C-alpha atoms as a PDB file:
ATOM      1  CA  MET A   1      33.349-191.712 -27.189  1.00  0.00           C
ATOM      2  CA  LYS A   2      36.887-192.341 -25.939  1.00  0.00           C
ATOM      3  CA  ARG A   3      39.384-189.552 -26.564  1.00  0.00           C
ATOM      4  CA  VAL A   4      42.069-190.090 -29.220  1.00  0.00           C
ATOM      5  CA  ASN A   5      45.513-188.768 -28.290  1.00  0.00           C
ATOM      6  CA  VAL A   6      47.571-187.582 -31.260  1.00  0.00           C
ATOM      7  CA  ALA A   7      51.235-186.799 -31.880  1.00  0.00           C
ATOM      8  CA  ILE A   8      52.125-184.420 -34.721  1.00  0.00           C
ATOM      9  CA  ILE A   9      55.452-185.246 -36.375  1.00  0.00           C
ATOM     10  CA  GLY A  10      56.834-182.300 -38.333  1.00  0.00           C
ATOM     11  CA  CYS A  11      55.948-178.652 -37.686  1.00  0.00           C
ATOM     12  CA  GLY A  12      57.320-176.892 -40.734  1.00  0.00           C
ATOM     13  CA  TYR A  13      54.891-175.460 -43.305  1.00  0.00           C
ATOM     14  CA  TRP A  14      51.948-177.868 -42.847  1.00  0.00           C
ATOM     15  CA  GLY A  15      52.377-179.158 -39.302  1.00  0.00           C
ATOM     16  CA  PRO A  16      50.987-176.031 -37.567  1.00  0.00           C
ATOM     17  CA  ASN A  17      47.796-176.370 -39.629  1.00  0.00           C
ATOM     18  CA  LEU A  18      47.397-179.936 -38.386  1.00  0.00           C
ATOM     19  CA  ILE A  19      47.957-178.838 -34.784  1.00  0.00           C
ATOM     20  CA  ARG A  20      45.365-176.065 -35.057  1.00  0.00           C
ATOM     21  CA  ASN A  21      42.708-178.343 -36.531  1.00  0.00           C
ATOM     22  CA  PHE A  22      43.229-181.367 -34.306  1.00  0.00           C
ATOM     23  CA  LEU A  23      42.948-179.077 -31.281  1.00  0.00           C
ATOM     24  CA  ARG A  24      39.462-178.081 -32.464  1.00  0.00           C
ATOM     25  CA  ILE A  25      38.106-181.642 -32.460  1.00  0.00           C
ATOM     26  CA  LYS A  26      36.054-183.039 -29.616  1.00  0.00           C
ATOM     27  CA  ASN A  27      37.333-186.319 -28.138  1.00  0.00           C
ATOM     28  CA  CYS A  28      40.786-185.575 -29.531  1.00  0.00           C
ATOM     29  CA  ALA A  29      43.888-184.209 -27.839  1.00  0.00           C
ATOM     30  CA  VAL A  30      47.282-183.259 -29.239  1.00  0.00           C
ATOM     31  CA  LYS A  31      49.899-184.347 -26.730  1.00  0.00           C
ATOM     32  CA  TYR A  32      53.219-184.136 -28.608  1.00  0.00           C
ATOM     33  CA  VAL A  33      54.681-182.046 -31.417  1.00  0.00           C
ATOM     34  CA  CYS A  34      57.920-183.424 -32.859  1.00  0.00           C
ATOM     35  CA  ASP A  35      60.515-181.774 -35.091  1.00  0.00           C
ATOM     36  CA  VAL A  36      64.299-181.958 -35.446  1.00  0.00           C
ATOM     37  CA  ARG A  37      64.534-178.153 -35.479  1.00  0.00           C
ATOM     38  CA  LYS A  38      64.539-176.714 -31.981  1.00  0.00           C
ATOM     39  CA  GLU A  39      63.660-173.215 -33.219  1.00  0.00           C
ATOM     40  CA  ARG A  40      60.379-174.518 -34.702  1.00  0.00           C
ATOM     41  CA  LEU A  41      59.536-176.277 -31.448  1.00  0.00           C
ATOM     42  CA  GLU A  42      60.233-173.118 -29.469  1.00  0.00           C
ATOM     43  CA  TRP A  43      57.874-171.202 -31.744  1.00  0.00           C
ATOM     44  CA  ILE A  44      55.143-173.846 -31.302  1.00  0.00           C
ATOM     45  CA  LYS A  45      55.637-173.800 -27.539  1.00  0.00           C
ATOM     46  CA  GLU A  46      55.043-170.047 -27.486  1.00  0.00           C
ATOM     47  CA  ILE A  47      51.708-170.503 -29.238  1.00  0.00           C
ATOM     48  CA  TYR A  48      50.619-173.712 -27.474  1.00  0.00           C
ATOM     49  CA  PRO A  49      52.322-173.799 -24.034  1.00  0.00           C
ATOM     50  CA  SER A  50      50.447-176.946 -22.964  1.00  0.00           C
ATOM     51  CA  LEU A  51      51.931-179.165 -25.697  1.00  0.00           C
ATOM     52  CA  TYR A  52      54.986-181.326 -25.167  1.00  0.00           C
ATOM     53  CA  THR A  53      57.693-180.737 -27.781  1.00  0.00           C
ATOM     54  CA  LEU A  54      60.226-183.383 -28.820  1.00  0.00           C
ATOM     55  CA  THR A  55      63.164-183.612 -31.216  1.00  0.00           C
ATOM     56  CA  ASP A  56      62.910-187.425 -31.185  1.00  0.00           C
ATOM     57  CA  TYR A  57      59.555-188.748 -32.412  1.00  0.00           C
ATOM     58  CA  GLU A  58      60.403-192.234 -31.121  1.00  0.00           C
ATOM     59  CA  VAL A  59      59.666-190.948 -27.608  1.00  0.00           C
ATOM     60  CA  ALA A  60      56.080-190.201 -28.635  1.00  0.00           C
ATOM     61  CA  LEU A  61      55.726-193.606 -30.291  1.00  0.00           C
ATOM     62  CA  LYS A  62      56.699-195.328 -27.045  1.00  0.00           C
ATOM     63  CA  ASP A  63      53.947-193.539 -25.124  1.00  0.00           C
ATOM     64  CA  PRO A  64      51.008-195.961 -24.692  1.00  0.00           C
ATOM     65  CA  GLU A  65      48.616-193.005 -24.366  1.00  0.00           C
ATOM     66  CA  ILE A  66      49.217-192.030 -28.012  1.00  0.00           C
ATOM     67  CA  GLN A  67      46.791-193.767 -30.384  1.00  0.00           C
ATOM     68  CA  ALA A  68      47.553-191.855 -33.588  1.00  0.00           C
ATOM     69  CA  VAL A  69      50.219-189.825 -35.360  1.00  0.00           C
ATOM     70  CA  ALA A  70      50.003-187.247 -38.137  1.00  0.00           C
ATOM     71  CA  ILE A  71      53.117-187.023 -40.303  1.00  0.00           C
ATOM     72  CA  ALA A  72      54.017-183.731 -42.027  1.00  0.00           C
ATOM     73  CA  THR A  73      57.705-184.253 -42.798  1.00  0.00           C
ATOM     74  CA  PRO A  74      59.675-184.337 -46.095  1.00  0.00           C
ATOM     75  CA  VAL A  75      58.464-187.054 -48.476  1.00  0.00           C
ATOM     76  CA  SER A  76      61.772-188.912 -48.236  1.00  0.00           C
ATOM     77  CA  THR A  77      61.013-189.600 -44.536  1.00  0.00           C
ATOM     78  CA  HIS A  78      57.371-190.658 -44.855  1.00  0.00           C
ATOM     79  CA  TYR A  79      58.029-194.378 -45.216  1.00  0.00           C
ATOM     80  CA  GLN A  80      60.436-194.663 -42.294  1.00  0.00           C
ATOM     81  CA  ILE A  81      58.275-192.684 -39.874  1.00  0.00           C
ATOM     82  CA  ALA A  82      55.005-194.304 -40.955  1.00  0.00           C
ATOM     83  CA  CYS A  83      56.532-197.784 -40.622  1.00  0.00           C
ATOM     84  CA  ALA A  84      57.802-197.010 -37.135  1.00  0.00           C
ATOM     85  CA  SER A  85      54.399-195.618 -36.167  1.00  0.00           C
ATOM     86  CA  LEU A  86      52.440-198.615 -37.444  1.00  0.00           C
ATOM     87  CA  ASN A  87      54.867-201.039 -35.795  1.00  0.00           C
ATOM     88  CA  ALA A  88      54.342-199.107 -32.550  1.00  0.00           C
ATOM     89  CA  GLY A  89      50.597-199.767 -32.866  1.00  0.00           C
ATOM     90  CA  LYS A  90      49.563-196.250 -33.906  1.00  0.00           C
ATOM     91  CA  HIS A  91      47.028-195.130 -36.498  1.00  0.00           C
ATOM     92  CA  VAL A  92      48.677-192.977 -39.168  1.00  0.00           C
ATOM     93  CA  LEU A  93      47.778-189.892 -41.211  1.00  0.00           C
ATOM     94  CA  VAL A  94      50.466-189.002 -43.779  1.00  0.00           C
ATOM     95  CA  GLU A  95      50.827-185.785 -45.763  1.00  0.00           C
ATOM     96  CA  LYS A  96      50.680-186.331 -49.552  1.00  0.00           C
ATOM     97  CA  PRO A  97      52.164-188.106 -51.351  1.00  0.00           C
ATOM     98  CA  LEU A  98      52.022-191.248 -49.238  1.00  0.00           C
ATOM     99  CA  THR A  99      55.599-192.266 -50.029  1.00  0.00           C
ATOM    100  CA  ARG A 100      58.427-191.565 -52.452  1.00  0.00           C
ATOM    101  CA  THR A 101      58.111-194.886 -54.350  1.00  0.00           C
ATOM    102  CA  LEU A 102      55.411-197.387 -55.224  1.00  0.00           C
ATOM    103  CA  GLU A 103      57.366-200.159 -53.473  1.00  0.00           C
ATOM    104  CA  GLU A 104      57.312-198.177 -50.223  1.00  0.00           C
ATOM    105  CA  ALA A 105      53.586-197.468 -50.597  1.00  0.00           C
ATOM    106  CA  GLU A 106      52.785-201.146 -51.128  1.00  0.00           C
ATOM    107  CA  LYS A 107      54.732-202.113 -48.004  1.00  0.00           C
ATOM    108  CA  LEU A 108      52.947-199.485 -45.903  1.00  0.00           C
ATOM    109  CA  VAL A 109      49.511-200.608 -47.068  1.00  0.00           C
ATOM    110  CA  GLU A 110      50.346-204.214 -46.247  1.00  0.00           C
ATOM    111  CA  LEU A 111      51.783-203.275 -42.840  1.00  0.00           C
ATOM    112  CA  ALA A 112      48.669-201.269 -41.939  1.00  0.00           C
ATOM    113  CA  ARG A 113      46.502-204.230 -42.919  1.00  0.00           C
ATOM    114  CA  GLU A 114      48.653-206.581 -40.848  1.00  0.00           C
ATOM    115  CA  LYS A 115      48.550-204.290 -37.792  1.00  0.00           C
ATOM    116  CA  LYS A 116      44.832-203.531 -38.313  1.00  0.00           C
ATOM    117  CA  LYS A 117      45.452-199.796 -38.115  1.00  0.00           C
ATOM    118  CA  VAL A 118      44.044-196.849 -40.055  1.00  0.00           C
ATOM    119  CA  LEU A 119      46.414-195.606 -42.767  1.00  0.00           C
ATOM    120  CA  MET A 120      45.138-192.368 -44.283  1.00  0.00           C
ATOM    121  CA  VAL A 121      46.675-189.978 -46.808  1.00  0.00           C
ATOM    122  CA  SER A 122      46.162-186.221 -46.605  1.00  0.00           C
ATOM    123  CA  HIS A 123      44.512-185.631 -49.989  1.00  0.00           C
ATOM    124  CA  THR A 124      42.814-182.594 -48.474  1.00  0.00           C
ATOM    125  CA  TYR A 125      40.876-181.418 -51.534  1.00  0.00           C
ATOM    126  CA  LEU A 126      38.668-184.492 -51.380  1.00  0.00           C
ATOM    127  CA  TYR A 127      37.275-183.031 -48.154  1.00  0.00           C
ATOM    128  CA  SER A 128      36.604-179.640 -49.741  1.00  0.00           C
ATOM    129  CA  PRO A 129      32.878-178.737 -49.847  1.00  0.00           C
ATOM    130  CA  GLY A 130      33.385-177.242 -53.319  1.00  0.00           C
ATOM    131  CA  ILE A 131      34.955-180.378 -54.785  1.00  0.00           C
ATOM    132  CA  ARG A 132      32.326-182.577 -53.157  1.00  0.00           C
ATOM    133  CA  LYS A 133      29.577-180.371 -54.617  1.00  0.00           C
ATOM    134  CA  LEU A 134      31.210-180.601 -58.034  1.00  0.00           C
ATOM    135  CA  LYS A 135      31.197-184.403 -57.819  1.00  0.00           C
ATOM    136  CA  GLU A 136      27.483-184.306 -56.963  1.00  0.00           C
ATOM    137  CA  ILE A 137      26.819-182.127 -60.028  1.00  0.00           C
ATOM    138  CA  ILE A 138      28.753-184.515 -62.280  1.00  0.00           C
ATOM    139  CA  GLU A 139      26.970-187.581 -60.913  1.00  0.00           C
ATOM    140  CA  LYS A 140      23.570-185.933 -61.536  1.00  0.00           C
ATOM    141  CA  GLY A 141      24.574-185.519 -65.203  1.00  0.00           C
ATOM    142  CA  MET A 142      24.220-181.734 -65.152  1.00  0.00           C
ATOM    143  CA  LEU A 143      27.389-181.225 -67.204  1.00  0.00           C
ATOM    144  CA  GLY A 144      26.671-184.070 -69.583  1.00  0.00           C
ATOM    145  CA  GLU A 145      29.557-186.103 -70.948  1.00  0.00           C
ATOM    146  CA  ILE A 146      32.864-184.570 -69.817  1.00  0.00           C
ATOM    147  CA  MET A 147      35.041-183.810 -72.848  1.00  0.00           C
ATOM    148  CA  TYR A 148      38.102-182.335 -71.199  1.00  0.00           C
ATOM    149  CA  ILE A 149      39.446-180.993 -67.917  1.00  0.00           C
ATOM    150  CA  ASN A 150      42.089-178.331 -67.409  1.00  0.00           C
ATOM    151  CA  SER A 151      43.704-177.884 -63.989  1.00  0.00           C
ATOM    152  CA  ILE A 152      46.239-175.235 -63.049  1.00  0.00           C
ATOM    153  CA  ARG A 153      48.111-175.159 -59.739  1.00  0.00           C
ATOM    154  CA  VAL A 154      50.885-172.576 -59.837  1.00  0.00           C
ATOM    155  CA  ASN A 155      52.550-170.028 -57.576  1.00  0.00           C
ATOM    156  CA  LEU A 156      55.937-168.493 -56.765  1.00  0.00           C
ATOM    157  CA  GLY A 157      57.470-171.037 -54.309  1.00  0.00           C
ATOM    158  CA  LEU A 158      57.570-173.114 -52.136  1.00  0.00           C
ATOM    159  CA  PHE A 159      60.631-174.880 -53.582  1.00  0.00           C
ATOM    160  CA  GLN A 160      61.231-178.426 -52.327  1.00  0.00           C
ATOM    161  CA  LYS A 161      64.656-179.978 -51.900  1.00  0.00           C
ATOM    162  CA  ASP A 162      63.897-183.688 -52.187  1.00  0.00           C
ATOM    163  CA  ILE A 163      61.091-183.853 -54.785  1.00  0.00           C
ATOM    164  CA  ASN A 164      60.150-182.086 -58.010  1.00  0.00           C
ATOM    165  CA  VAL A 165      57.036-180.021 -58.662  1.00  0.00           C
ATOM    166  CA  VAL A 166      55.153-183.020 -60.100  1.00  0.00           C
ATOM    167  CA  THR A 167      55.537-185.049 -56.913  1.00  0.00           C
ATOM    168  CA  ASP A 168      54.865-181.980 -54.767  1.00  0.00           C
ATOM    169  CA  LEU A 169      51.776-180.442 -56.385  1.00  0.00           C
ATOM    170  CA  ALA A 170      50.245-182.917 -58.860  1.00  0.00           C
ATOM    171  CA  PRO A 171      48.938-185.311 -56.141  1.00  0.00           C
ATOM    172  CA  HIS A 172      46.258-182.689 -55.407  1.00  0.00           C
ATOM    173  CA  ASP A 173      45.007-182.700 -58.987  1.00  0.00           C
ATOM    174  CA  LEU A 174      45.406-186.446 -59.530  1.00  0.00           C
ATOM    175  CA  SER A 175      43.386-187.209 -56.397  1.00  0.00           C
ATOM    176  CA  ILE A 176      40.707-184.672 -57.397  1.00  0.00           C
ATOM    177  CA  LEU A 177      40.388-186.170 -60.889  1.00  0.00           C
ATOM    178  CA  GLY A 178      40.171-189.693 -59.506  1.00  0.00           C
ATOM    179  CA  PHE A 179      37.475-188.577 -57.068  1.00  0.00           C
ATOM    180  CA  LEU A 180      35.411-186.641 -59.620  1.00  0.00           C
ATOM    181  CA  LEU A 181      35.626-189.178 -62.444  1.00  0.00           C
ATOM    182  CA  GLY A 182      35.664-192.411 -60.437  1.00  0.00           C
ATOM    183  CA  ARG A 183      38.260-193.908 -62.754  1.00  0.00           C
ATOM    184  CA  LYS A 184      41.926-193.741 -63.615  1.00  0.00           C
ATOM    185  CA  PRO A 185      43.601-192.570 -66.840  1.00  0.00           C
ATOM    186  CA  GLU A 186      44.702-195.113 -69.416  1.00  0.00           C
ATOM    187  CA  TYR A 187      47.801-193.208 -70.551  1.00  0.00           C
ATOM    188  CA  ILE A 188      49.855-190.292 -69.287  1.00  0.00           C
ATOM    189  CA  SER A 189      52.445-187.912 -70.695  1.00  0.00           C
ATOM    190  CA  CYS A 190      54.534-185.407 -68.747  1.00  0.00           C
ATOM    191  CA  THR A 191      56.967-182.686 -69.765  1.00  0.00           C
ATOM    192  CA  GLY A 192      58.802-180.171 -67.624  1.00  0.00           C
ATOM    193  CA  ALA A 193      62.040-178.346 -66.930  1.00  0.00           C
ATOM    194  CA  SER A 194      64.477-177.469 -64.141  1.00  0.00           C
ATOM    195  CA  HIS A 195      65.482-173.825 -63.930  1.00  0.00           C
ATOM    196  CA  TYR A 196      66.889-173.379 -60.426  1.00  0.00           C
ATOM    197  CA  THR A 197      68.001-176.800 -59.149  1.00  0.00           C
ATOM    198  CA  ASP A 198      69.504-179.399 -61.471  1.00  0.00           C
ATOM    199  CA  GLY A 199      67.417-182.538 -61.611  1.00  0.00           C
ATOM    200  CA  ILE A 200      64.436-181.058 -59.753  1.00  0.00           C
ATOM    201  CA  GLU A 201      61.807-179.789 -62.190  1.00  0.00           C
ATOM    202  CA  ASP A 202      60.085-176.581 -61.082  1.00  0.00           C
ATOM    203  CA  VAL A 203      57.477-176.459 -63.857  1.00  0.00           C
ATOM    204  CA  ALA A 204      55.620-179.332 -65.529  1.00  0.00           C
ATOM    205  CA  PHE A 205      52.671-180.185 -67.745  1.00  0.00           C
ATOM    206  CA  LEU A 206      50.819-183.491 -67.428  1.00  0.00           C
ATOM    207  CA  THR A 207      48.349-184.857 -69.974  1.00  0.00           C
ATOM    208  CA  LEU A 208      46.070-187.700 -68.951  1.00  0.00           C
ATOM    209  CA  TYR A 209      44.181-189.771 -71.503  1.00  0.00           C
ATOM    210  CA  TYR A 210      40.974-191.530 -70.441  1.00  0.00           C
ATOM    211  CA  SER A 211      38.504-193.784 -72.230  1.00  0.00           C
ATOM    212  CA  ASP A 212      35.655-192.166 -74.202  1.00  0.00           C
ATOM    213  CA  ASN A 213      38.020-189.535 -75.656  1.00  0.00           C
ATOM    214  CA  LEU A 214      38.269-187.636 -72.348  1.00  0.00           C
ATOM    215  CA  ILE A 215      41.519-185.734 -71.889  1.00  0.00           C
ATOM    216  CA  ALA A 216      42.797-183.885 -68.818  1.00  0.00           C
ATOM    217  CA  HIS A 217      45.657-181.398 -68.587  1.00  0.00           C
ATOM    218  CA  ILE A 218      47.489-180.415 -65.400  1.00  0.00           C
ATOM    219  CA  HIS A 219      49.880-177.450 -65.149  1.00  0.00           C
ATOM    220  CA  VAL A 220      52.001-177.270 -61.991  1.00  0.00           C
ATOM    221  CA  SER A 221      54.704-174.722 -61.213  1.00  0.00           C
ATOM    222  CA  TRP A 222      56.719-173.163 -58.402  1.00  0.00           C
ATOM    223  CA  ILE A 223      57.839-170.229 -60.563  1.00  0.00           C
ATOM    224  CA  ASP A 224      54.682-168.465 -61.723  1.00  0.00           C
ATOM    225  CA  PRO A 225      54.084-164.832 -60.704  1.00  0.00           C
ATOM    226  CA  ILE A 226      50.446-165.376 -59.713  1.00  0.00           C
ATOM    227  CA  LYS A 227      49.009-168.017 -57.399  1.00  0.00           C
ATOM    228  CA  LEU A 228      46.265-169.990 -59.138  1.00  0.00           C
ATOM    229  CA  ARG A 229      44.250-173.022 -58.016  1.00  0.00           C
ATOM    230  CA  LYS A 230      41.657-173.536 -60.704  1.00  0.00           C
ATOM    231  CA  ILE A 231      39.958-176.471 -62.439  1.00  0.00           C
ATOM    232  CA  THR A 232      37.807-176.145 -65.570  1.00  0.00           C
ATOM    233  CA  LEU A 233      35.514-178.962 -66.700  1.00  0.00           C
ATOM    234  CA  VAL A 234      33.957-178.818 -70.168  1.00  0.00           C
ATOM    235  CA  GLY A 235      30.892-180.987 -70.634  1.00  0.00           C
ATOM    236  CA  LYS A 236      28.579-181.410 -73.591  1.00  0.00           C
ATOM    237  CA  LYS A 237      25.664-179.854 -71.672  1.00  0.00           C
ATOM    238  CA  LYS A 238      27.342-177.351 -69.354  1.00  0.00           C
ATOM    239  CA  MET A 239      30.739-176.287 -68.087  1.00  0.00           C
ATOM    240  CA  ALA A 240      32.107-175.755 -64.574  1.00  0.00           C
ATOM    241  CA  ILE A 241      34.942-173.812 -62.998  1.00  0.00           C
ATOM    242  CA  TYR A 242      36.240-174.456 -59.497  1.00  0.00           C
ATOM    243  CA  ASP A 243      38.476-171.693 -58.159  1.00  0.00           C
ATOM    244  CA  ASP A 244      39.864-172.586 -54.747  1.00  0.00           C
ATOM    245  CA  LEU A 245      41.083-169.018 -54.175  1.00  0.00           C
ATOM    246  CA  ASP A 246      37.652-167.459 -54.720  1.00  0.00           C
ATOM    247  CA  SER A 247      36.173-167.385 -51.215  1.00  0.00           C
ATOM    248  CA  ASN A 248      32.852-165.879 -52.364  1.00  0.00           C
ATOM    249  CA  GLU A 249      31.931-168.045 -55.357  1.00  0.00           C
ATOM    250  CA  PRO A 250      34.431-170.920 -55.628  1.00  0.00           C
ATOM    251  CA  LEU A 251      32.202-172.979 -57.944  1.00  0.00           C
ATOM    252  CA  LYS A 252      30.500-171.661 -61.079  1.00  0.00           C
ATOM    253  CA  ILE A 253      28.266-173.667 -63.391  1.00  0.00           C
ATOM    254  CA  ILE A 254      28.203-172.132 -66.872  1.00  0.00           C
ATOM    255  CA  ASP A 255      25.286-172.952 -69.150  1.00  0.00           C
ATOM    256  CA  LYS A 256      27.212-172.971 -72.417  1.00  0.00           C
ATOM    257  CA  SER A 257      27.634-175.695 -75.013  1.00  0.00           C
ATOM    258  CA  VAL A 258      28.408-176.365 -78.660  1.00  0.00           C
ATOM    259  CA  GLU A 259      26.214-178.389 -81.012  1.00  0.00           C
ATOM    260  CA  LYS A 260      26.727-179.423 -84.599  1.00  0.00           C
ATOM    261  CA  ILE A 261      23.943-178.596 -87.035  1.00  0.00           C
ATOM    262  CA  PRO A 262      23.135-182.114 -88.237  1.00  0.00           C
ATOM    263  CA  TYR A 263      22.328-181.396 -91.901  1.00  0.00           C
ATOM    264  CA  TYR A 264      24.573-179.686 -94.418  1.00  0.00           C
ATOM    265  CA  LYS A 265      25.366-180.296 -98.090  1.00  0.00           C
ATOM    266  CA  THR A 266      28.841-178.799 -98.408  1.00  0.00           C
ATOM    267  CA  TYR A 267      31.720-177.920 -96.095  1.00  0.00           C
ATOM    268  CA  GLY A 268      30.853-174.279 -96.651  1.00  0.00           C
ATOM    269  CA  GLU A 269      27.450-174.912 -95.086  1.00  0.00           C
ATOM    270  CA  PHE A 270      28.992-176.564 -92.031  1.00  0.00           C
ATOM    271  CA  ARG A 271      27.894-174.690 -88.937  1.00  0.00           C
ATOM    272  CA  MET A 272      28.295-174.862 -85.197  1.00  0.00           C
ATOM    273  CA  LEU A 273      25.551-173.727 -82.861  1.00  0.00           C
ATOM    274  CA  TYR A 274      26.843-171.998 -79.757  1.00  0.00           C
ATOM    275  CA  ARG A 275      24.396-171.908 -76.870  1.00  0.00           C
ATOM    276  CA  PHE A 276      24.837-169.281 -74.158  1.00  0.00           C
ATOM    277  CA  GLY A 277      22.909-169.445 -70.902  1.00  0.00           C
ATOM    278  CA  ASP A 278      23.189-168.315 -67.310  1.00  0.00           C
ATOM    279  CA  ILE A 279      26.067-168.667 -64.882  1.00  0.00           C
ATOM    280  CA  SER A 280      25.092-170.005 -61.459  1.00  0.00           C
ATOM    281  CA  SER A 281      27.093-170.320 -58.251  1.00  0.00           C
ATOM    282  CA  PRO A 282      25.841-173.035 -55.872  1.00  0.00           C
ATOM    283  CA  HIS A 283      26.090-172.365 -52.165  1.00  0.00           C
ATOM    284  CA  ILE A 284      29.325-173.856 -50.820  1.00  0.00           C
ATOM    285  CA  SER A 285      30.011-174.345 -47.132  1.00  0.00           C
ATOM    286  CA  SER A 286      32.967-172.363 -45.795  1.00  0.00           C
ATOM    287  CA  GLU A 287      34.074-175.244 -43.563  1.00  0.00           C
ATOM    288  CA  GLU A 288      37.847-175.754 -43.685  1.00  0.00           C
ATOM    289  CA  PRO A 289      38.698-178.936 -45.670  1.00  0.00           C
ATOM    290  CA  LEU A 290      41.615-179.815 -43.392  1.00  0.00           C
ATOM    291  CA  TYR A 291      39.324-179.713 -40.367  1.00  0.00           C
ATOM    292  CA  VAL A 292      36.881-182.065 -42.121  1.00  0.00           C
ATOM    293  CA  GLU A 293      39.817-184.337 -42.985  1.00  0.00           C
ATOM    294  CA  CYS A 294      41.143-184.424 -39.413  1.00  0.00           C
ATOM    295  CA  CYS A 295      37.639-185.144 -38.067  1.00  0.00           C
ATOM    296  CA  HIS A 296      37.311-187.985 -40.585  1.00  0.00           C
ATOM    297  CA  PHE A 297      40.627-189.474 -39.420  1.00  0.00           C
ATOM    298  CA  ILE A 298      39.497-189.477 -35.782  1.00  0.00           C
ATOM    299  CA  GLU A 299      36.080-190.866 -36.723  1.00  0.00           C
ATOM    300  CA  CYS A 300      37.690-193.718 -38.701  1.00  0.00           C
ATOM    301  CA  ILE A 301      39.816-194.610 -35.667  1.00  0.00           C
ATOM    302  CA  GLN A 302      36.864-194.511 -33.270  1.00  0.00           C
ATOM    303  CA  HIS A 303      34.545-196.541 -35.515  1.00  0.00           C
ATOM    304  CA  SER A 304      37.132-198.836 -37.167  1.00  0.00           C
ATOM    305  CA  LYS A 305      36.177-197.846 -40.690  1.00  0.00           C
ATOM    306  CA  PRO A 306      38.337-197.247 -43.782  1.00  0.00           C
ATOM    307  CA  PRO A 307      39.022-193.595 -44.681  1.00  0.00           C
ATOM    308  CA  LEU A 308      37.962-191.981 -47.937  1.00  0.00           C
ATOM    309  CA  THR A 309      41.629-191.283 -48.703  1.00  0.00           C
ATOM    310  CA  ASN A 310      42.973-194.617 -47.516  1.00  0.00           C
ATOM    311  CA  GLY A 311      46.324-196.266 -48.127  1.00  0.00           C
ATOM    312  CA  MET A 312      45.150-197.968 -51.326  1.00  0.00           C
ATOM    313  CA  GLU A 313      44.053-194.624 -52.785  1.00  0.00           C
ATOM    314  CA  GLY A 314      47.368-193.092 -51.737  1.00  0.00           C
ATOM    315  CA  LYS A 315      49.260-195.973 -53.317  1.00  0.00           C
ATOM    316  CA  GLU A 316      47.443-195.458 -56.627  1.00  0.00           C
ATOM    317  CA  ILE A 317      48.483-191.785 -56.702  1.00  0.00           C
ATOM    318  CA  VAL A 318      52.106-192.769 -56.039  1.00  0.00           C
ATOM    319  CA  ARG A 319      51.905-195.269 -58.912  1.00  0.00           C
ATOM    320  CA  ILE A 320      50.660-192.601 -61.329  1.00  0.00           C
ATOM    321  CA  LEU A 321      53.359-190.190 -60.104  1.00  0.00           C
ATOM    322  CA  GLU A 322      56.052-192.777 -60.843  1.00  0.00           C
ATOM    323  CA  ILE A 323      54.752-193.188 -64.393  1.00  0.00           C
ATOM    324  CA  ALA A 324      54.509-189.401 -64.851  1.00  0.00           C
ATOM    325  CA  ASN A 325      58.089-188.918 -63.696  1.00  0.00           C
ATOM    326  CA  GLN A 326      59.249-191.703 -65.990  1.00  0.00           C
ATOM    327  CA  SER A 327      57.551-189.896 -68.884  1.00  0.00           C
ATOM    328  CA  LEU A 328      59.164-186.638 -67.737  1.00  0.00           C
ATOM    329  CA  LYS A 329      62.626-188.188 -67.949  1.00  0.00           C
ATOM    330  CA  ASN A 330      61.767-189.425 -71.431  1.00  0.00           C
ATOM    331  CA  LYS A 331      60.752-186.049 -72.876  1.00  0.00           C
ATOM    332  CA  GLY A 332      57.020-186.571 -72.571  1.00  0.00           C
ATOM    333  CA  ALA A 333      56.729-190.151 -73.786  1.00  0.00           C
ATOM    334  CA  VAL A 334      53.120-191.378 -73.654  1.00  0.00           C
ATOM    335  CA  LEU A 335      53.089-194.275 -71.171  1.00  0.00           C
ATOM    336  CA  LYS A 336      50.400-196.751 -70.213  1.00  0.00           C
ATOM    337  CA  VAL A 337      49.087-196.364 -66.667  1.00  0.00           C
END
């Protein structure tokens, strides 16, 4: 299989992780690392002396040996850099969210289609063995009908300058929910507050309303004292908890449920039957999700196939984010998706 040469654009918080994982892949080579900050490039050069470092990513785009770029820059720059990359004939992987606005996302998807290039969004949790196992469990009906989902993604930092906490963190949870449920919410409500930077919310609560009385709640924050990455699913048969920070047992299936006693004469006779069973922890591979994602990107390029987290999927997340932020500005108004 022909080698794919990659340029990494942006080496701040996430870029070094991309470099490390792309360097692990067979038939893939990282040639350039680009960033406007010379001190970051100097640091990268110390770790990876063989890589070329550039302050101008356009130089990498002009190199005919480069087939693909991975973009890990501020969200406000995603559209410009991705457009330039696609127009230069490169395949593109973009850190979430795909773009700042739905209009930009639609244009990128159309451009990628026109240029016949792979456009992939880095919704990394969809490549997590734990999340993929959870989807398998749901599809087998082990949890029964899902009644509600609660997701919490909080920590102290990292504060962003150009986007709020909803746009920064909620794409993870929105992509996970879309993947697990195979459908989108019908309505959404979002509330939040800014405590440190005017106009940029640092804590928020999203409520998603689905058909069949399913409700999902997402709590995102940059200002919590403890780092948490946890999703709880409550089904009519069983319940599940996915804890991304638990390296030993990230997924637990809890054999608990509630049943109504069908016959009663008066309200005083009304009873609930609580069933308590075992807690099991399925074996989950320890393979790094980002590595799986990067391998998938290269494979899609080599075999001309659409990625799991393609531009259309990324566009849908941007659309939901726009509606959530509109609700946020309107004090939690319930809006149709």
